[in-house]
Amino acid sequence: MFVGIARVVLRIPESRSLKDRRQVVRSFKGRLAAKLNVSVAEVGDVAQHQTATLGIVTVSRESGACRRVLGDMRQMASTLPDALIVDIKGEVLSMGEGGSQMRGGIELLLSDPEGWYFEDKEKP
């Protein structure tokens, strides 16, 4: 299992308000969701009306498929009419065959039902 992750920082120079910025972000997220198998979340400061930072993730059984999706996403971002790419970073992580190298799982759930997916969770 492979996980492709990316962070995209967009500059929206014509945005005069948060409403303008949200419209550009919503449009881009919709285009990505319609064309690519990705999940997208706004991860940066949502109070800045001319900058948007997005986290994008895809999962596949092949690393090449993740790389293609991230490449297609980059191409789509580069053609946005109302935004410019300020920064873009991405990588593909291997989680092993069928996710076998993932840490955690049922043994952590049984030992700590409140926080099994927060492996680095601080204990009181």
N, C-alpha and C. Protein backbone atom coordinates (compact mmCIF):
# COMPACT_ATOMS: atom_id res chain seq x y z
N MET A 1 0.85 -1.17 0.00
CA MET A 1 0.00 0.00 0.00
C MET A 1 0.90 1.23 0.00
N PHE A 2 0.54 2.20 -0.83
CA PHE A 2 1.30 3.44 -0.94
C PHE A 2 0.37 4.62 -0.70
N VAL A 3 0.91 5.63 -0.04
CA VAL A 3 0.16 6.85 0.24
C VAL A 3 0.92 8.02 -0.38
N GLY A 4 0.27 8.72 -1.28
CA GLY A 4 0.84 9.92 -1.88
C GLY A 4 0.29 11.13 -1.17
N ILE A 5 1.18 11.99 -0.69
CA ILE A 5 0.73 13.19 0.01
C ILE A 5 1.38 14.42 -0.61
N ALA A 6 0.65 15.51 -0.61
CA ALA A 6 1.18 16.76 -1.17
C ALA A 6 0.65 17.94 -0.37
N ARG A 7 1.44 18.99 -0.37
CA ARG A 7 1.02 20.27 0.18
C ARG A 7 1.17 21.31 -0.91
N VAL A 8 0.10 22.03 -1.18
CA VAL A 8 0.10 23.04 -2.24
C VAL A 8 -0.25 24.39 -1.61
N VAL A 9 0.60 25.37 -1.85
CA VAL A 9 0.33 26.73 -1.39
C VAL A 9 0.00 27.56 -2.63
N LEU A 10 -1.18 28.15 -2.61
CA LEU A 10 -1.65 28.95 -3.74
C LEU A 10 -1.72 30.42 -3.35
N ARG A 11 -1.36 31.27 -4.27
CA ARG A 11 -1.54 32.72 -4.12
C ARG A 11 -2.69 33.10 -5.02
N ILE A 12 -3.63 33.84 -4.46
CA ILE A 12 -4.84 34.24 -5.20
C ILE A 12 -4.84 35.77 -5.25
N PRO A 13 -4.12 36.34 -6.22
CA PRO A 13 -3.87 37.79 -6.21
C PRO A 13 -5.13 38.65 -6.37
N GLU A 14 -6.12 38.17 -7.08
CA GLU A 14 -7.32 38.97 -7.30
C GLU A 14 -8.34 38.85 -6.17
N SER A 15 -8.05 38.04 -5.19
CA SER A 15 -8.99 37.85 -4.08
C SER A 15 -9.02 39.10 -3.20
N ARG A 16 -10.21 39.63 -3.00
CA ARG A 16 -10.39 40.81 -2.17
C ARG A 16 -11.05 40.48 -0.83
N SER A 17 -11.48 39.23 -0.68
CA SER A 17 -12.17 38.84 0.55
C SER A 17 -12.01 37.35 0.77
N LEU A 18 -12.37 36.88 1.95
CA LEU A 18 -12.34 35.45 2.23
C LEU A 18 -13.32 34.70 1.34
N LYS A 19 -14.42 35.36 0.99
CA LYS A 19 -15.41 34.75 0.10
C LYS A 19 -14.79 34.48 -1.28
N ASP A 20 -14.03 35.43 -1.80
CA ASP A 20 -13.34 35.24 -3.09
C ASP A 20 -12.37 34.06 -3.01
N ARG A 21 -11.60 34.00 -1.90
CA ARG A 21 -10.63 32.92 -1.74
C ARG A 21 -11.32 31.57 -1.65
N ARG A 22 -12.39 31.53 -0.86
CA ARG A 22 -13.14 30.26 -0.73
C ARG A 22 -13.67 29.77 -2.07
N GLN A 23 -14.10 30.70 -2.92
CA GLN A 23 -14.62 30.32 -4.23
C GLN A 23 -13.54 29.65 -5.07
N VAL A 24 -12.34 30.21 -5.08
CA VAL A 24 -11.23 29.63 -5.84
C VAL A 24 -10.86 28.26 -5.28
N VAL A 25 -10.75 28.16 -3.95
CA VAL A 25 -10.40 26.89 -3.30
C VAL A 25 -11.47 25.84 -3.55
N ARG A 26 -12.74 26.22 -3.39
CA ARG A 26 -13.84 25.27 -3.61
C ARG A 26 -13.85 24.76 -5.05
N SER A 27 -13.60 25.65 -5.99
CA SER A 27 -13.56 25.25 -7.40
C SER A 27 -12.43 24.25 -7.66
N PHE A 28 -11.24 24.54 -7.13
CA PHE A 28 -10.10 23.64 -7.32
C PHE A 28 -10.35 22.28 -6.66
N LYS A 29 -10.86 22.30 -5.43
CA LYS A 29 -11.16 21.04 -4.74
C LYS A 29 -12.18 20.23 -5.52
N GLY A 30 -13.18 20.89 -6.07
CA GLY A 30 -14.19 20.19 -6.87
C GLY A 30 -13.62 19.58 -8.13
N ARG A 31 -12.74 20.32 -8.81
CA ARG A 31 -12.08 19.79 -10.02
C ARG A 31 -11.23 18.58 -9.69
N LEU A 32 -10.47 18.67 -8.58
CA LEU A 32 -9.63 17.53 -8.18
C LEU A 32 -10.48 16.31 -7.86
N ALA A 33 -11.54 16.51 -7.09
CA ALA A 33 -12.41 15.38 -6.70
C ALA A 33 -13.08 14.75 -7.90
N ALA A 34 -13.43 15.55 -8.90
CA ALA A 34 -14.12 15.03 -10.08
C ALA A 34 -13.18 14.24 -10.99
N LYS A 35 -11.92 14.62 -11.03
CA LYS A 35 -10.99 14.00 -12.00
C LYS A 35 -10.01 13.01 -11.38
N LEU A 36 -9.71 13.16 -10.08
CA LEU A 36 -8.68 12.33 -9.47
C LEU A 36 -9.21 11.67 -8.20
N ASN A 37 -8.62 10.55 -7.86
CA ASN A 37 -8.99 9.84 -6.63
C ASN A 37 -8.15 10.40 -5.47
N VAL A 38 -8.57 11.58 -4.96
CA VAL A 38 -7.83 12.25 -3.90
C VAL A 38 -8.80 12.76 -2.83
N SER A 39 -8.24 13.00 -1.67
CA SER A 39 -8.92 13.75 -0.62
C SER A 39 -8.16 15.05 -0.44
N VAL A 40 -8.90 16.12 -0.23
CA VAL A 40 -8.30 17.45 -0.14
C VAL A 40 -8.82 18.15 1.11
N ALA A 41 -7.92 18.79 1.84
CA ALA A 41 -8.31 19.58 3.01
C ALA A 41 -7.51 20.87 3.02
N GLU A 42 -8.15 21.94 3.46
CA GLU A 42 -7.43 23.18 3.65
C GLU A 42 -6.69 23.07 4.97
N VAL A 43 -5.37 23.25 4.94
CA VAL A 43 -4.55 23.01 6.13
C VAL A 43 -3.82 24.24 6.62
N GLY A 44 -3.92 25.34 5.90
CA GLY A 44 -3.21 26.55 6.30
C GLY A 44 -4.13 27.55 6.97
N ASP A 45 -3.63 28.75 7.10
CA ASP A 45 -4.36 29.85 7.73
C ASP A 45 -5.52 30.25 6.82
N VAL A 46 -6.73 30.02 7.27
CA VAL A 46 -7.91 30.32 6.45
C VAL A 46 -8.32 31.78 6.55
N ALA A 47 -7.64 32.56 7.37
CA ALA A 47 -7.98 33.97 7.53
C ALA A 47 -7.28 34.87 6.51
N GLN A 48 -6.28 34.35 5.81
CA GLN A 48 -5.59 35.15 4.80
C GLN A 48 -6.34 35.02 3.48
N HIS A 49 -6.81 36.13 2.95
CA HIS A 49 -7.67 36.05 1.77
C HIS A 49 -6.94 35.91 0.44
N GLN A 50 -5.62 36.02 0.43
CA GLN A 50 -4.90 35.86 -0.84
C GLN A 50 -3.99 34.63 -0.86
N THR A 51 -4.03 33.81 0.18
CA THR A 51 -3.21 32.60 0.24
C THR A 51 -4.06 31.43 0.71
N ALA A 52 -3.85 30.28 0.08
CA ALA A 52 -4.53 29.05 0.50
C ALA A 52 -3.52 27.92 0.50
N THR A 53 -3.52 27.13 1.57
CA THR A 53 -2.64 25.96 1.68
C THR A 53 -3.52 24.73 1.77
N LEU A 54 -3.29 23.79 0.85
CA LEU A 54 -4.10 22.58 0.76
C LEU A 54 -3.25 21.34 1.00
N GLY A 55 -3.80 20.37 1.72
CA GLY A 55 -3.21 19.05 1.87
C GLY A 55 -3.98 18.09 0.99
N ILE A 56 -3.27 17.30 0.22
CA ILE A 56 -3.90 16.40 -0.74
C ILE A 56 -3.30 15.01 -0.55
N VAL A 57 -4.16 13.99 -0.54
CA VAL A 57 -3.69 12.63 -0.31
C VAL A 57 -4.39 11.66 -1.25
N THR A 58 -3.65 10.62 -1.65
CA THR A 58 -4.20 9.53 -2.45
C THR A 58 -3.59 8.23 -1.96
N VAL A 59 -4.30 7.14 -2.14
CA VAL A 59 -3.82 5.82 -1.70
C VAL A 59 -3.95 4.86 -2.87
N SER A 60 -2.93 4.00 -3.04
CA SER A 60 -2.97 3.01 -4.13
C SER A 60 -2.12 1.81 -3.75
N ARG A 61 -2.30 0.75 -4.49
CA ARG A 61 -1.46 -0.43 -4.26
C ARG A 61 -0.13 -0.31 -5.00
N GLU A 62 0.01 0.69 -5.88
CA GLU A 62 1.24 0.87 -6.65
C GLU A 62 1.78 2.28 -6.45
N SER A 63 3.07 2.42 -6.24
CA SER A 63 3.66 3.75 -6.05
C SER A 63 3.52 4.60 -7.31
N GLY A 64 3.62 3.97 -8.46
CA GLY A 64 3.50 4.70 -9.72
C GLY A 64 2.14 5.36 -9.88
N ALA A 65 1.10 4.70 -9.40
CA ALA A 65 -0.25 5.28 -9.48
C ALA A 65 -0.33 6.53 -8.60
N CYS A 66 0.28 6.49 -7.41
CA CYS A 66 0.30 7.68 -6.54
C CYS A 66 1.07 8.81 -7.21
N ARG A 67 2.20 8.47 -7.81
CA ARG A 67 3.01 9.50 -8.48
C ARG A 67 2.25 10.13 -9.64
N ARG A 68 1.52 9.32 -10.40
CA ARG A 68 0.73 9.86 -11.52
C ARG A 68 -0.36 10.80 -11.01
N VAL A 69 -1.05 10.40 -9.96
CA VAL A 69 -2.11 11.24 -9.41
C VAL A 69 -1.54 12.56 -8.92
N LEU A 70 -0.43 12.52 -8.19
CA LEU A 70 0.18 13.75 -7.70
C LEU A 70 0.67 14.62 -8.86
N GLY A 71 1.20 13.99 -9.90
CA GLY A 71 1.62 14.74 -11.09
C GLY A 71 0.44 15.40 -11.79
N ASP A 72 -0.67 14.66 -11.90
CA ASP A 72 -1.88 15.23 -12.51
C ASP A 72 -2.41 16.38 -11.68
N MET A 73 -2.35 16.24 -10.36
CA MET A 73 -2.79 17.31 -9.47
C MET A 73 -1.93 18.55 -9.67
N ARG A 74 -0.63 18.35 -9.78
CA ARG A 74 0.29 19.47 -10.00
C ARG A 74 -0.03 20.18 -11.31
N GLN A 75 -0.30 19.39 -12.34
CA GLN A 75 -0.65 19.98 -13.64
C GLN A 75 -1.94 20.79 -13.54
N MET A 76 -2.93 20.26 -12.85
CA MET A 76 -4.19 20.98 -12.69
C MET A 76 -3.98 22.27 -11.90
N ALA A 77 -3.15 22.23 -10.88
CA ALA A 77 -2.87 23.43 -10.08
C ALA A 77 -2.17 24.49 -10.93
N SER A 78 -1.30 24.05 -11.82
CA SER A 78 -0.54 25.01 -12.63
C SER A 78 -1.40 25.71 -13.67
N THR A 79 -2.60 25.20 -13.93
CA THR A 79 -3.47 25.81 -14.94
C THR A 79 -4.64 26.57 -14.32
N LEU A 80 -4.63 26.75 -12.99
CA LEU A 80 -5.71 27.50 -12.36
C LEU A 80 -5.72 28.94 -12.87
N PRO A 81 -6.87 29.42 -13.34
CA PRO A 81 -6.90 30.77 -13.89
C PRO A 81 -6.81 31.87 -12.84
N ASP A 82 -7.22 31.59 -11.61
CA ASP A 82 -7.29 32.62 -10.58
C ASP A 82 -6.25 32.46 -9.48
N ALA A 83 -5.32 31.52 -9.63
CA ALA A 83 -4.34 31.27 -8.57
C ALA A 83 -2.99 30.89 -9.17
N LEU A 84 -1.96 31.17 -8.40
CA LEU A 84 -0.59 30.83 -8.77
C LEU A 84 -0.02 29.89 -7.71
N ILE A 85 0.78 28.92 -8.14
CA ILE A 85 1.45 28.04 -7.20
C ILE A 85 2.62 28.79 -6.58
N VAL A 86 2.61 28.92 -5.26
CA VAL A 86 3.71 29.53 -4.53
C VAL A 86 4.70 28.45 -4.11
N ASP A 87 4.16 27.31 -3.67
CA ASP A 87 5.00 26.20 -3.22
C ASP A 87 4.20 24.92 -3.40
N ILE A 88 4.91 23.87 -3.74
CA ILE A 88 4.26 22.57 -3.85
C ILE A 88 5.29 21.51 -3.47
N LYS A 89 4.89 20.62 -2.59
CA LYS A 89 5.77 19.53 -2.14
C LYS A 89 4.94 18.27 -2.09
N GLY A 90 5.57 17.15 -2.38
CA GLY A 90 4.86 15.89 -2.30
C GLY A 90 5.81 14.73 -2.14
N GLU A 91 5.26 13.62 -1.69
CA GLU A 91 6.04 12.40 -1.58
C GLU A 91 5.10 11.21 -1.55
N VAL A 92 5.68 10.06 -1.83
CA VAL A 92 4.94 8.81 -1.79
C VAL A 92 5.57 7.94 -0.70
N LEU A 93 4.74 7.50 0.23
CA LEU A 93 5.20 6.67 1.35
C LEU A 93 4.75 5.24 1.16
N SER A 94 5.63 4.29 1.45
CA SER A 94 5.27 2.87 1.39
C SER A 94 4.80 2.40 2.76
N MET A 95 3.68 1.73 2.76
CA MET A 95 3.13 1.16 4.00
C MET A 95 3.24 -0.36 3.99
N GLY A 96 4.00 -0.91 3.04
CA GLY A 96 4.18 -2.36 2.95
C GLY A 96 3.05 -3.02 2.19
N GLU A 97 3.23 -4.27 1.89
CA GLU A 97 2.24 -5.08 1.18
C GLU A 97 0.92 -5.07 1.94
N GLY A 98 -0.11 -4.52 1.34
CA GLY A 98 -1.41 -4.48 1.98
C GLY A 98 -1.45 -3.68 3.26
N GLY A 99 -0.48 -2.78 3.47
CA GLY A 99 -0.43 -1.98 4.68
C GLY A 99 0.20 -2.70 5.86
N SER A 100 0.92 -3.79 5.59
CA SER A 100 1.47 -4.62 6.68
C SER A 100 2.52 -3.91 7.52
N GLN A 101 3.13 -2.84 7.01
CA GLN A 101 4.16 -2.14 7.77
C GLN A 101 3.60 -0.97 8.59
N MET A 102 2.30 -0.81 8.58
CA MET A 102 1.71 0.24 9.39
C MET A 102 1.85 -0.11 10.86
N ARG A 103 2.11 0.89 11.67
CA ARG A 103 2.19 0.66 13.10
C ARG A 103 0.80 0.76 13.69
N GLY A 104 0.61 0.17 14.82
CA GLY A 104 -0.70 0.22 15.47
C GLY A 104 -1.51 -1.00 15.08
N GLY A 105 -2.79 -0.86 15.11
CA GLY A 105 -3.66 -1.96 14.74
C GLY A 105 -4.45 -2.46 15.93
N ILE A 106 -4.92 -3.68 15.83
CA ILE A 106 -5.84 -4.23 16.82
C ILE A 106 -5.21 -4.33 18.21
N GLU A 107 -3.91 -4.61 18.27
CA GLU A 107 -3.29 -4.73 19.59
C GLU A 107 -3.30 -3.41 20.34
N LEU A 108 -3.13 -2.29 19.65
CA LEU A 108 -3.22 -0.99 20.31
C LEU A 108 -4.66 -0.66 20.67
N LEU A 109 -5.59 -1.03 19.82
CA LEU A 109 -7.01 -0.81 20.12
C LEU A 109 -7.40 -1.54 21.40
N LEU A 110 -6.95 -2.76 21.53
CA LEU A 110 -7.30 -3.54 22.72
C LEU A 110 -6.64 -2.99 23.98
N SER A 111 -5.43 -2.45 23.86
CA SER A 111 -4.74 -1.95 25.04
C SER A 111 -5.12 -0.51 25.38
N ASP A 112 -5.61 0.26 24.41
CA ASP A 112 -5.96 1.66 24.65
C ASP A 112 -7.11 2.06 23.73
N PRO A 113 -8.35 1.69 24.05
CA PRO A 113 -9.48 1.93 23.16
C PRO A 113 -9.78 3.40 22.90
N GLU A 114 -9.28 4.29 23.73
CA GLU A 114 -9.53 5.71 23.55
C GLU A 114 -8.58 6.36 22.56
N GLY A 115 -7.42 5.79 22.33
CA GLY A 115 -6.43 6.48 21.52
C GLY A 115 -5.62 5.58 20.62
N TRP A 116 -6.19 4.52 20.12
CA TRP A 116 -5.42 3.54 19.35
C TRP A 116 -4.78 4.11 18.11
N TYR A 117 -5.32 5.13 17.51
CA TYR A 117 -4.74 5.65 16.28
C TYR A 117 -3.77 6.78 16.55
N PHE A 118 -3.60 7.19 17.79
CA PHE A 118 -2.62 8.20 18.15
C PHE A 118 -1.45 7.51 18.84
N GLU A 119 -0.62 6.88 18.07
CA GLU A 119 0.46 6.08 18.65
C GLU A 119 1.39 6.92 19.51
N ASP A 120 1.59 8.19 19.16
CA ASP A 120 2.49 9.05 19.92
C ASP A 120 1.74 9.89 20.95
N LYS A 121 0.52 9.52 21.26
CA LYS A 121 -0.31 10.27 22.20
C LYS A 121 0.35 10.32 23.58
N GLU A 122 0.35 11.52 24.13
CA GLU A 122 0.90 11.66 25.48
C GLU A 122 -0.08 11.09 26.49
N LYS A 123 0.44 10.31 27.39
CA LYS A 123 -0.38 9.73 28.45
C LYS A 123 -0.37 10.67 29.65
N PRO A 124 -1.51 10.84 30.34
CA PRO A 124 -1.53 11.70 31.52
C PRO A 124 -0.76 11.09 32.68
